[in-house]
C-alpha atoms as a PDB file:
ATOM      1  CA  MET A   1      59.993-129.121 -11.158  1.00  0.00           C
ATOM      2  CA  ALA A   2      63.359-129.541 -12.903  1.00  0.00           C
ATOM      3  CA  GLU A   3      64.816-133.040 -13.174  1.00  0.00           C
ATOM      4  CA  LEU A   4      67.782-133.645 -10.904  1.00  0.00           C
ATOM      5  CA  GLU A   5      70.955-134.048 -12.928  1.00  0.00           C
ATOM      6  CA  MET A   6      73.682-136.269 -11.572  1.00  0.00           C
ATOM      7  CA  ASN A   7      77.327-136.476 -12.484  1.00  0.00           C
ATOM      8  CA  LEU A   8      78.001-140.188 -12.793  1.00  0.00           C
ATOM      9  CA  GLU A   9      81.533-139.531 -14.077  1.00  0.00           C
ATOM     10  CA  MET A  10      80.932-141.718 -17.119  1.00  0.00           C
ATOM     11  CA  GLU A  11      84.045-140.343 -18.857  1.00  0.00           C
ATOM     12  CA  GLN A  12      86.155-141.983 -16.150  1.00  0.00           C
ATOM     13  CA  LEU A  13      84.439-145.298 -16.821  1.00  0.00           C
ATOM     14  CA  TYR A  14      84.856-144.963 -20.609  1.00  0.00           C
ATOM     15  CA  ASP A  15      88.564-144.254 -20.136  1.00  0.00           C
ATOM     16  CA  SER A  16      88.991-147.299 -17.908  1.00  0.00           C
ATOM     17  CA  ILE A  17      87.191-149.614 -20.345  1.00  0.00           C
ATOM     18  CA  GLU A  18      89.261-148.316 -23.271  1.00  0.00           C
ATOM     19  CA  SER A  19      92.648-148.274 -21.563  1.00  0.00           C
ATOM     20  CA  GLU A  20      92.293-151.532 -19.618  1.00  0.00           C
ATOM     21  CA  GLY A  21      90.309-153.491 -22.227  1.00  0.00           C
ATOM     22  CA  HIS A  22      87.523-154.531 -19.841  1.00  0.00           C
ATOM     23  CA  GLN A  23      85.060-156.956 -21.433  1.00  0.00           C
ATOM     24  CA  LYS A  24      82.799-158.006 -18.535  1.00  0.00           C
ATOM     25  CA  ILE A  25      81.749-155.493 -15.914  1.00  0.00           C
ATOM     26  CA  MET A  26      79.535-155.575 -12.829  1.00  0.00           C
ATOM     27  CA  ILE A  27      77.747-152.352 -11.918  1.00  0.00           C
ATOM     28  CA  GLN A  28      76.296-151.706  -8.468  1.00  0.00           C
ATOM     29  CA  LEU A  29      73.756-148.917  -8.117  1.00  0.00           C
ATOM     30  CA  PRO A  30      72.134-147.667  -4.931  1.00  0.00           C
ATOM     31  CA  ASP A  31      68.344-147.982  -4.936  1.00  0.00           C
ATOM     32  CA  GLY A  32      67.890-144.334  -5.965  1.00  0.00           C
ATOM     33  CA  LEU A  33      69.957-144.847  -9.128  1.00  0.00           C
ATOM     34  CA  LYS A  34      68.559-148.253 -10.152  1.00  0.00           C
ATOM     35  CA  PRO A  35      65.960-146.602 -12.427  1.00  0.00           C
ATOM     36  CA  LYS A  36      68.945-145.273 -14.449  1.00  0.00           C
ATOM     37  CA  ALA A  37      70.304-148.790 -15.161  1.00  0.00           C
ATOM     38  CA  LYS A  38      68.824-149.080 -18.639  1.00  0.00           C
ATOM     39  CA  GLU A  39      70.051-145.594 -19.565  1.00  0.00           C
ATOM     40  CA  ILE A  40      73.560-146.479 -18.342  1.00  0.00           C
ATOM     41  CA  GLN A  41      73.476-149.791 -20.241  1.00  0.00           C
ATOM     42  CA  ILE A  42      72.352-148.145 -23.496  1.00  0.00           C
ATOM     43  CA  ASP A  43      75.041-145.487 -23.148  1.00  0.00           C
ATOM     44  CA  LEU A  44      77.822-148.018 -22.525  1.00  0.00           C
ATOM     45  CA  LEU A  45      76.728-150.377 -25.290  1.00  0.00           C
ATOM     46  CA  SER A  46      76.548-147.519 -27.801  1.00  0.00           C
ATOM     47  CA  ARG A  47      80.281-146.972 -27.184  1.00  0.00           C
ATOM     48  CA  PHE A  48      81.312-150.571 -26.487  1.00  0.00           C
ATOM     49  CA  PRO A  49      78.898-152.930 -28.328  1.00  0.00           C
ATOM     50  CA  GLU A  50      80.755-156.103 -27.257  1.00  0.00           C
ATOM     51  CA  LEU A  51      80.796-155.186 -23.554  1.00  0.00           C
ATOM     52  CA  LYS A  52      79.033-157.636 -21.229  1.00  0.00           C
ATOM     53  CA  ILE A  53      77.272-155.715 -18.449  1.00  0.00           C
ATOM     54  CA  THR A  54      75.699-157.156 -15.317  1.00  0.00           C
ATOM     55  CA  PHE A  55      73.850-155.014 -12.796  1.00  0.00           C
ATOM     56  CA  TRP A  56      73.848-156.053  -9.153  1.00  0.00           C
ATOM     57  CA  ALA A  57      70.155-156.201  -8.242  1.00  0.00           C
ATOM     58  CA  GLY A  58      70.629-156.547  -4.495  1.00  0.00           C
ATOM     59  CA  ASP A  59      70.449-153.776  -1.958  1.00  0.00           C
ATOM     60  CA  CYS A  60      73.347-151.441  -1.275  1.00  0.00           C
ATOM     61  CA  TYR A  61      73.853-150.006   2.199  1.00  0.00           C
ATOM     62  CA  GLY A  62      76.974-147.943   1.612  1.00  0.00           C
ATOM     63  CA  ALA A  63      80.501-148.089   0.285  1.00  0.00           C
ATOM     64  CA  CYS A  64      81.421-151.070   2.428  1.00  0.00           C
ATOM     65  CA  ASP A  65      78.463-153.100   1.102  1.00  0.00           C
ATOM     66  CA  THR A  66      79.882-154.564  -2.088  1.00  0.00           C
ATOM     67  CA  PRO A  67      78.894-157.942  -3.533  1.00  0.00           C
ATOM     68  CA  GLN A  68      81.464-160.719  -3.355  1.00  0.00           C
ATOM     69  CA  VAL A  69      81.423-161.884  -6.978  1.00  0.00           C
ATOM     70  CA  THR A  70      84.008-163.190  -9.403  1.00  0.00           C
ATOM     71  CA  GLY A  71      84.252-163.454 -13.159  1.00  0.00           C
ATOM     72  CA  PHE A  72      84.255-159.742 -13.979  1.00  0.00           C
ATOM     73  CA  ASP A  73      87.053-157.540 -15.287  1.00  0.00           C
ATOM     74  CA  LEU A  74      85.747-154.476 -13.479  1.00  0.00           C
ATOM     75  CA  PHE A  75      83.435-153.719 -10.567  1.00  0.00           C
ATOM     76  CA  VAL A  76      81.808-150.274 -10.724  1.00  0.00           C
ATOM     77  CA  ALA A  77      80.017-148.866  -7.671  1.00  0.00           C
ATOM     78  CA  PHE A  78      78.049-145.751  -8.580  1.00  0.00           C
ATOM     79  CA  GLY A  79      76.750-143.404  -5.921  1.00  0.00           C
ATOM     80  CA  HIS A  80      79.560-143.767  -3.373  1.00  0.00           C
ATOM     81  CA  SER A  81      81.965-141.129  -2.187  1.00  0.00           C
ATOM     82  CA  LYS A  82      85.475-141.478  -3.525  1.00  0.00           C
ATOM     83  CA  TRP A  83      87.902-143.372  -1.357  1.00  0.00           C
ATOM     84  CA  LYS A  84      90.781-141.286  -0.094  1.00  0.00           C
ATOM     85  CA  TYR A  85      94.101-143.084  -0.227  1.00  0.00           C
END
């Protein structure tokens, strides 16, 4: 069986880190993507070696279920539909 490929839109994240100068980010992954955390971390650190990355280890029950944390330059929630403004 072929491995499922997902578009995590990493280019968008790279652009944001570069243009905004983010240094500390929090990443939230739904349970199905949590096994990809190390791969995501390695990818980001290969481009931004000084970046401090924290992964939210708690559960995620949808786009409205975001952790209330402070001390990060950017909060990234993978696996959610885009918000329409």
